[in-house]
Amino acid sequence: MPTLFYAQGFRQKGRAVEPDAPQQYKSAEKAIAAAERIAPSRVGVWAYSANVDVEADTYDEPVVLFKAGTLPAGVAD
């Protein structure tokens, strides 16, 4: 199963914390660097990896590579 790498920011919208669309990267290092770059402009951010079964279109639980700030409940726990 291939491993995919993502960075995702979260914005404060009123009392809610809303996610940006996750962005895919070619390596863990690139996902972490992207998360670190966007962290100052977001209320929270994380970088994560997930193994994916392309044929079944299923993803394993994400593995947290980096996190900063405030994340919604259930994210990066």
Protein backbone atom coordinates (compact mmCIF):
# COMPACT_ATOMS: atom_id res chain seq x y z
CA MET A 1 0.00 0.00 0.00
CA PRO A 2 1.40 3.40 -0.89
CA THR A 3 1.79 6.07 1.79
CA LEU A 4 0.38 9.52 1.05
CA PHE A 5 1.50 12.70 2.82
CA TYR A 6 -0.67 15.74 3.56
CA ALA A 7 -0.66 19.15 5.23
CA GLN A 8 -3.89 20.80 6.32
CA GLY A 9 -4.63 24.11 7.99
CA PHE A 10 -7.63 25.18 10.05
CA ARG A 11 -9.23 28.63 10.19
CA GLN A 12 -11.27 30.25 12.94
CA LYS A 13 -14.76 31.11 11.68
CA GLY A 14 -16.78 32.59 14.51
CA ARG A 15 -16.69 29.97 17.25
CA ALA A 16 -16.01 27.14 14.82
CA VAL A 17 -12.69 25.88 13.55
CA GLU A 18 -13.03 25.00 9.85
CA PRO A 19 -10.61 22.91 7.80
CA ASP A 20 -8.82 23.98 4.65
CA ALA A 21 -8.63 21.34 1.93
CA PRO A 22 -5.74 18.96 2.65
CA GLN A 23 -2.81 19.37 0.27
CA GLN A 24 -0.86 16.29 -0.83
CA TYR A 25 2.96 16.20 -0.88
CA LYS A 26 5.55 13.73 -2.15
CA SER A 27 7.29 13.17 1.19
CA ALA A 28 6.87 13.55 4.92
CA GLU A 29 9.53 16.27 4.94
CA LYS A 30 7.66 18.33 2.32
CA ALA A 31 4.34 17.96 4.16
CA ILE A 32 5.94 19.07 7.44
CA ALA A 33 7.65 22.03 5.75
CA ALA A 34 4.34 23.11 4.20
CA ALA A 35 2.55 22.86 7.56
CA GLU A 36 5.26 24.94 9.22
CA ARG A 37 4.96 27.57 6.45
CA ILE A 38 1.20 28.00 6.83
CA ALA A 39 1.10 27.73 10.65
CA PRO A 40 1.49 31.50 11.29
CA SER A 41 -1.60 32.27 9.19
CA ARG A 42 -3.90 29.58 10.63
CA VAL A 43 -5.42 28.85 14.01
CA GLY A 44 -4.09 25.29 13.70
CA VAL A 45 -2.26 23.03 11.30
CA TRP A 46 -1.15 19.44 10.98
CA ALA A 47 0.88 17.27 8.66
CA TYR A 48 0.06 13.58 8.44
CA SER A 49 0.56 10.43 6.45
CA ALA A 50 -1.86 7.66 5.60
CA ASN A 51 -1.50 4.32 3.87
CA VAL A 52 -4.05 3.90 1.10
CA ASP A 53 -5.44 0.85 -0.66
CA VAL A 54 -6.14 2.34 -4.09
CA GLU A 55 -8.19 -0.61 -5.34
CA ALA A 56 -10.51 -0.62 -2.32
CA ASP A 57 -10.36 3.20 -1.91
CA THR A 58 -9.66 2.83 1.82
CA TYR A 59 -7.26 4.73 4.06
CA ASP A 60 -5.56 3.61 7.28
CA GLU A 61 -5.73 5.85 10.32
CA PRO A 62 -3.56 8.94 9.78
CA VAL A 63 -0.13 9.16 11.43
CA VAL A 64 0.60 12.62 12.82
CA LEU A 65 3.90 14.04 11.56
CA PHE A 66 3.52 17.59 12.91
CA LYS A 67 0.84 19.67 14.62
CA ALA A 68 0.58 23.20 15.94
CA GLY A 69 -2.11 25.48 17.30
CA THR A 70 -5.75 24.61 17.88
CA LEU A 71 -7.22 21.62 16.06
CA PRO A 72 -10.82 20.40 16.13
CA ALA A 73 -11.65 17.54 18.49
CA GLY A 74 -10.73 14.19 16.98
CA VAL A 75 -8.01 15.57 14.70
CA ALA A 76 -4.46 14.47 15.49
CA ASP A 77 -5.47 12.79 18.76
